[in-house]
């Protein structure tokens, strides 16, 4: 990545399965990588965090999937395909106390 830019998709406390706010990717179609940082996770739960993409802000496709989390920590995953027009974070909990404090960022190079 030559000039790294960041789009913050989610930050703060999450409770229960959540679809994040949608953001546009227009003009940002190069070299994407997702960064997940979990600073707190409810007892006895596991959490799958994904970055989804959509052509129409209605039909969503899993794009970047992080490793299932059972403890605090972080992970970087590079996208292997291009994103569509929209992007959002998605949180899916299983079991236990369905809460976390997390940040999901999307890093990218702008089109020249």
N, C-alpha and C. Protein backbone atom coordinates (compact mmCIF):
# COMPACT_ATOMS: atom_id res chain seq x y z
N UNK A 1 0.84 -1.18 0.00
CA UNK A 1 0.00 0.00 0.00
C UNK A 1 0.89 1.24 0.00
N UNK A 2 0.70 2.09 -0.97
CA UNK A 2 1.53 3.27 -1.11
C UNK A 2 1.09 4.40 -0.18
N UNK A 3 -0.16 4.78 -0.20
CA UNK A 3 -0.67 5.82 0.69
C UNK A 3 -1.87 5.26 1.43
N UNK A 4 -1.65 4.90 2.67
CA UNK A 4 -2.67 4.19 3.44
C UNK A 4 -3.70 5.16 4.01
N UNK A 5 -4.96 4.81 3.83
CA UNK A 5 -6.08 5.56 4.36
C UNK A 5 -6.91 4.62 5.22
N UNK A 6 -7.71 5.20 6.12
CA UNK A 6 -8.49 4.37 7.04
C UNK A 6 -9.94 4.82 7.06
N UNK A 7 -10.84 3.85 7.02
CA UNK A 7 -12.27 4.07 7.20
C UNK A 7 -12.68 3.27 8.43
N UNK A 8 -13.12 3.95 9.50
CA UNK A 8 -13.53 3.25 10.71
C UNK A 8 -14.98 2.81 10.55
N UNK A 9 -15.21 1.49 10.54
CA UNK A 9 -16.54 0.94 10.34
C UNK A 9 -17.32 0.79 11.64
N UNK A 10 -16.60 0.59 12.74
CA UNK A 10 -17.27 0.42 14.02
C UNK A 10 -16.26 0.66 15.13
N UNK A 11 -16.73 1.26 16.23
CA UNK A 11 -15.87 1.47 17.38
C UNK A 11 -16.73 1.63 18.62
N UNK A 12 -16.40 0.88 19.66
CA UNK A 12 -17.11 1.02 20.92
C UNK A 12 -17.81 -0.25 21.35
N UNK A 13 -18.80 -0.09 22.22
CA UNK A 13 -19.52 -1.23 22.80
C UNK A 13 -20.55 -1.78 21.81
N UNK A 14 -20.61 -3.09 21.72
CA UNK A 14 -21.58 -3.80 20.88
C UNK A 14 -22.32 -4.78 21.79
N UNK A 15 -23.63 -4.86 21.62
CA UNK A 15 -24.44 -5.79 22.42
C UNK A 15 -25.36 -6.56 21.48
N UNK A 16 -25.17 -7.87 21.42
CA UNK A 16 -26.00 -8.70 20.56
C UNK A 16 -25.58 -8.60 19.10
N UNK A 17 -26.14 -9.50 18.28
CA UNK A 17 -25.83 -9.51 16.85
C UNK A 17 -26.16 -8.14 16.26
N UNK A 18 -25.21 -7.58 15.51
CA UNK A 18 -25.33 -6.21 15.04
C UNK A 18 -24.83 -6.08 13.61
N UNK A 19 -25.58 -5.37 12.79
CA UNK A 19 -25.12 -4.92 11.48
C UNK A 19 -24.76 -3.45 11.63
N UNK A 20 -23.53 -3.10 11.28
CA UNK A 20 -23.06 -1.74 11.43
C UNK A 20 -23.60 -0.81 10.37
N UNK A 21 -23.26 0.45 10.50
CA UNK A 21 -23.62 1.49 9.54
C UNK A 21 -22.94 1.23 8.20
N UNK A 22 -23.64 1.48 7.11
CA UNK A 22 -23.08 1.31 5.77
C UNK A 22 -22.31 2.57 5.35
N UNK A 23 -21.18 2.35 4.70
CA UNK A 23 -20.35 3.44 4.16
C UNK A 23 -20.11 3.17 2.69
N UNK A 24 -19.89 4.22 1.91
CA UNK A 24 -19.64 4.04 0.49
C UNK A 24 -18.16 3.79 0.23
N UNK A 25 -17.89 2.96 -0.77
CA UNK A 25 -16.53 2.66 -1.20
C UNK A 25 -16.20 3.28 -2.55
N UNK A 26 -17.08 4.09 -3.08
CA UNK A 26 -16.86 4.64 -4.42
C UNK A 26 -15.52 5.36 -4.49
N UNK A 27 -14.72 5.00 -5.49
CA UNK A 27 -13.40 5.58 -5.68
C UNK A 27 -12.32 5.00 -4.79
N UNK A 28 -12.63 3.97 -4.01
CA UNK A 28 -11.67 3.39 -3.07
C UNK A 28 -11.43 1.92 -3.36
N UNK A 29 -11.21 1.56 -4.58
CA UNK A 29 -11.24 0.16 -4.97
C UNK A 29 -9.89 -0.55 -5.02
N UNK A 30 -8.89 -0.13 -4.25
CA UNK A 30 -7.58 -0.77 -4.33
C UNK A 30 -7.06 -1.23 -2.97
N UNK A 31 -6.48 -2.41 -2.92
CA UNK A 31 -5.70 -2.92 -1.78
C UNK A 31 -6.36 -2.73 -0.43
N UNK A 32 -7.41 -3.47 -0.16
CA UNK A 32 -8.13 -3.37 1.11
C UNK A 32 -7.58 -4.36 2.14
N UNK A 33 -7.58 -3.93 3.41
CA UNK A 33 -7.25 -4.80 4.53
C UNK A 33 -8.12 -4.39 5.71
N UNK A 34 -8.67 -5.40 6.39
CA UNK A 34 -9.49 -5.14 7.57
C UNK A 34 -8.66 -5.35 8.83
N UNK A 35 -8.91 -4.50 9.83
CA UNK A 35 -8.26 -4.62 11.13
C UNK A 35 -9.33 -4.71 12.20
N UNK A 36 -9.28 -5.76 13.00
CA UNK A 36 -10.19 -5.95 14.13
C UNK A 36 -9.40 -5.88 15.42
N UNK A 37 -9.87 -5.06 16.37
CA UNK A 37 -9.28 -4.99 17.71
C UNK A 37 -10.41 -5.18 18.72
N UNK A 38 -10.31 -6.22 19.55
CA UNK A 38 -11.30 -6.48 20.59
C UNK A 38 -10.64 -6.23 21.94
N UNK A 39 -11.18 -5.27 22.70
CA UNK A 39 -10.60 -4.94 24.00
C UNK A 39 -11.40 -5.53 25.16
N UNK A 40 -12.62 -5.97 24.90
CA UNK A 40 -13.43 -6.65 25.92
C UNK A 40 -14.40 -7.59 25.21
N UNK A 41 -14.62 -8.76 25.82
CA UNK A 41 -15.53 -9.75 25.25
C UNK A 41 -16.28 -10.43 26.39
N UNK A 42 -17.61 -10.51 26.26
CA UNK A 42 -18.45 -11.10 27.29
C UNK A 42 -18.05 -12.53 27.63
N UNK A 43 -18.28 -12.91 28.88
CA UNK A 43 -17.91 -14.23 29.38
C UNK A 43 -18.63 -15.34 28.63
N UNK A 44 -17.87 -16.37 28.26
CA UNK A 44 -18.44 -17.58 27.67
C UNK A 44 -19.01 -17.41 26.28
N UNK A 45 -18.63 -16.35 25.58
CA UNK A 45 -19.17 -16.14 24.24
C UNK A 45 -18.07 -16.29 23.19
N UNK A 46 -18.48 -16.55 21.97
CA UNK A 46 -17.57 -16.47 20.84
C UNK A 46 -18.16 -15.46 19.87
N UNK A 47 -17.31 -14.81 19.12
CA UNK A 47 -17.72 -13.71 18.26
C UNK A 47 -17.11 -13.85 16.89
N UNK A 48 -17.95 -13.78 15.86
CA UNK A 48 -17.48 -13.73 14.48
C UNK A 48 -17.73 -12.32 13.98
N UNK A 49 -16.68 -11.67 13.52
CA UNK A 49 -16.79 -10.33 12.96
C UNK A 49 -16.45 -10.43 11.48
N UNK A 50 -17.29 -9.79 10.66
CA UNK A 50 -17.08 -9.79 9.22
C UNK A 50 -17.17 -8.36 8.71
N UNK A 51 -16.52 -8.11 7.60
CA UNK A 51 -16.76 -6.90 6.83
C UNK A 51 -17.52 -7.37 5.61
N UNK A 52 -18.70 -6.79 5.41
CA UNK A 52 -19.55 -7.17 4.28
C UNK A 52 -19.55 -6.06 3.24
N UNK A 53 -19.84 -6.43 2.01
CA UNK A 53 -19.92 -5.47 0.92
C UNK A 53 -21.24 -5.66 0.18
N UNK A 54 -21.69 -4.61 -0.51
CA UNK A 54 -22.99 -4.64 -1.17
C UNK A 54 -22.97 -3.75 -2.41
N UNK A 55 -23.66 -4.16 -3.48
CA UNK A 55 -23.77 -3.29 -4.65
C UNK A 55 -24.87 -2.24 -4.50
N UNK A 56 -25.82 -2.47 -3.57
CA UNK A 56 -27.02 -1.64 -3.52
C UNK A 56 -27.45 -1.21 -2.11
N UNK A 57 -26.62 -1.47 -1.09
CA UNK A 57 -26.92 -1.14 0.30
C UNK A 57 -28.14 -1.90 0.82
N UNK A 58 -28.44 -3.04 0.20
CA UNK A 58 -29.58 -3.85 0.59
C UNK A 58 -29.22 -5.33 0.67
N UNK A 59 -28.52 -5.83 -0.33
CA UNK A 59 -28.10 -7.23 -0.40
C UNK A 59 -26.61 -7.31 -0.04
N UNK A 60 -26.31 -7.96 1.10
CA UNK A 60 -24.96 -7.97 1.65
C UNK A 60 -24.27 -9.30 1.43
N UNK A 61 -22.95 -9.23 1.14
CA UNK A 61 -22.11 -10.39 0.88
C UNK A 61 -20.92 -10.34 1.84
N UNK A 62 -20.60 -11.47 2.49
CA UNK A 62 -19.41 -11.51 3.34
C UNK A 62 -18.18 -11.29 2.48
N UNK A 63 -17.32 -10.38 2.91
CA UNK A 63 -16.13 -10.01 2.12
C UNK A 63 -14.85 -10.36 2.87
N UNK A 64 -14.71 -9.88 4.09
CA UNK A 64 -13.55 -10.18 4.93
C UNK A 64 -14.09 -10.81 6.22
N UNK A 65 -13.61 -12.00 6.56
CA UNK A 65 -14.05 -12.67 7.78
C UNK A 65 -12.85 -12.87 8.69
N UNK A 66 -12.95 -12.38 9.91
CA UNK A 66 -11.90 -12.54 10.91
C UNK A 66 -12.07 -13.89 11.61
N UNK A 67 -10.99 -14.38 12.21
CA UNK A 67 -11.02 -15.61 12.99
C UNK A 67 -11.99 -15.46 14.15
N UNK A 68 -12.76 -16.50 14.44
CA UNK A 68 -13.71 -16.46 15.56
C UNK A 68 -12.96 -16.12 16.84
N UNK A 69 -13.45 -15.08 17.54
CA UNK A 69 -12.80 -14.60 18.76
C UNK A 69 -13.46 -15.21 20.00
N UNK A 70 -12.64 -15.67 20.93
CA UNK A 70 -13.11 -16.14 22.23
C UNK A 70 -12.39 -15.39 23.35
N UNK A 71 -11.56 -14.41 22.99
CA UNK A 71 -10.81 -13.61 23.95
C UNK A 71 -10.46 -12.27 23.28
N UNK A 72 -9.92 -11.36 24.05
CA UNK A 72 -9.50 -10.08 23.48
C UNK A 72 -8.30 -10.30 22.56
N UNK A 73 -8.07 -9.33 21.68
CA UNK A 73 -6.94 -9.41 20.76
C UNK A 73 -7.24 -8.69 19.47
N UNK A 74 -6.40 -8.92 18.48
CA UNK A 74 -6.56 -8.25 17.20
C UNK A 74 -6.14 -9.12 16.05
N UNK A 75 -6.54 -8.70 14.85
CA UNK A 75 -6.20 -9.45 13.64
C UNK A 75 -6.31 -8.53 12.43
N UNK A 76 -5.43 -8.75 11.46
CA UNK A 76 -5.48 -8.06 10.17
C UNK A 76 -5.73 -9.11 9.10
N UNK A 77 -6.70 -8.83 8.21
CA UNK A 77 -7.01 -9.73 7.09
C UNK A 77 -7.07 -8.89 5.82
N UNK A 78 -6.29 -9.29 4.83
CA UNK A 78 -6.33 -8.60 3.53
C UNK A 78 -7.47 -9.15 2.69
N UNK A 79 -8.13 -8.26 1.98
CA UNK A 79 -9.17 -8.67 1.04
C UNK A 79 -8.51 -9.29 -0.18
N UNK A 80 -9.09 -10.37 -0.69
CA UNK A 80 -8.53 -11.02 -1.88
C UNK A 80 -9.33 -10.68 -3.12
N UNK A 81 -10.42 -9.94 -2.95
CA UNK A 81 -11.24 -9.48 -4.08
C UNK A 81 -11.55 -8.00 -3.88
N UNK A 82 -12.10 -7.38 -4.90
CA UNK A 82 -12.49 -5.98 -4.80
C UNK A 82 -13.82 -5.85 -4.06
N UNK A 83 -14.00 -4.74 -3.36
CA UNK A 83 -15.27 -4.46 -2.73
C UNK A 83 -16.25 -3.90 -3.74
N UNK A 84 -17.51 -3.86 -3.35
CA UNK A 84 -18.55 -3.28 -4.19
C UNK A 84 -18.76 -1.82 -3.75
N UNK A 85 -19.95 -1.29 -3.92
CA UNK A 85 -20.20 0.12 -3.65
C UNK A 85 -20.27 0.44 -2.16
N UNK A 86 -20.81 -0.46 -1.33
CA UNK A 86 -21.01 -0.20 0.09
C UNK A 86 -20.27 -1.23 0.94
N UNK A 87 -20.02 -0.84 2.20
CA UNK A 87 -19.32 -1.71 3.13
C UNK A 87 -19.87 -1.45 4.54
N UNK A 88 -19.86 -2.52 5.39
CA UNK A 88 -20.26 -2.39 6.79
C UNK A 88 -19.60 -3.51 7.59
N UNK A 89 -19.59 -3.33 8.92
CA UNK A 89 -19.12 -4.38 9.83
C UNK A 89 -20.33 -5.17 10.30
N UNK A 90 -20.13 -6.45 10.58
CA UNK A 90 -21.20 -7.32 11.08
C UNK A 90 -20.64 -8.12 12.25
N UNK A 91 -21.40 -8.17 13.36
CA UNK A 91 -21.01 -8.88 14.57
C UNK A 91 -22.02 -9.99 14.85
N UNK A 92 -21.54 -11.23 14.98
CA UNK A 92 -22.39 -12.38 15.30
C UNK A 92 -21.85 -13.09 16.54
N UNK A 93 -22.64 -13.09 17.61
CA UNK A 93 -22.26 -13.73 18.87
C UNK A 93 -22.87 -15.12 18.97
N UNK A 94 -22.19 -16.00 19.73
CA UNK A 94 -22.72 -17.31 20.05
C UNK A 94 -22.47 -17.59 21.52
N UNK A 95 -23.55 -17.87 22.26
CA UNK A 95 -23.45 -18.26 23.66
C UNK A 95 -22.97 -17.16 24.59
N UNK A 96 -23.04 -17.42 25.85
CA UNK A 96 -22.50 -16.53 26.87
C UNK A 96 -23.12 -15.14 26.89
N UNK A 97 -22.36 -14.19 27.40
CA UNK A 97 -22.78 -12.79 27.48
C UNK A 97 -22.44 -12.11 26.16
N UNK A 98 -23.44 -11.76 25.37
CA UNK A 98 -23.23 -11.27 24.01
C UNK A 98 -22.92 -9.78 23.99
N UNK A 99 -21.72 -9.44 24.50
CA UNK A 99 -21.24 -8.06 24.48
C UNK A 99 -19.76 -8.04 24.14
N UNK A 100 -19.33 -6.93 23.58
CA UNK A 100 -17.91 -6.72 23.34
C UNK A 100 -17.64 -5.24 23.19
N UNK A 101 -16.38 -4.90 23.30
CA UNK A 101 -15.90 -3.57 22.92
C UNK A 101 -14.88 -3.81 21.83
N UNK A 102 -15.13 -3.25 20.66
CA UNK A 102 -14.29 -3.57 19.51
C UNK A 102 -14.21 -2.41 18.54
N UNK A 103 -13.16 -2.43 17.74
CA UNK A 103 -12.98 -1.49 16.64
C UNK A 103 -12.74 -2.29 15.37
N UNK A 104 -13.43 -1.91 14.30
CA UNK A 104 -13.22 -2.50 12.99
C UNK A 104 -12.85 -1.38 12.03
N UNK A 105 -11.67 -1.48 11.45
CA UNK A 105 -11.19 -0.48 10.50
C UNK A 105 -10.95 -1.15 9.15
N UNK A 106 -11.13 -0.37 8.09
CA UNK A 106 -10.82 -0.83 6.74
C UNK A 106 -9.73 0.11 6.21
N UNK A 107 -8.58 -0.45 5.89
CA UNK A 107 -7.47 0.32 5.33
C UNK A 107 -7.45 0.10 3.82
N UNK A 108 -7.03 1.14 3.07
CA UNK A 108 -7.08 1.06 1.61
C UNK A 108 -6.16 2.10 0.98
N UNK A 109 -5.85 1.89 -0.29
CA UNK A 109 -5.22 2.89 -1.14
C UNK A 109 -6.29 3.53 -2.00
N UNK A 110 -6.23 4.84 -2.15
CA UNK A 110 -7.18 5.52 -3.03
C UNK A 110 -6.78 5.29 -4.48
N UNK A 111 -7.78 5.28 -5.36
CA UNK A 111 -7.51 5.24 -6.80
C UNK A 111 -6.81 6.51 -7.22
N UNK A 112 -5.91 6.35 -8.13
CA UNK A 112 -5.20 7.55 -8.65
C UNK A 112 -5.80 7.99 -9.94
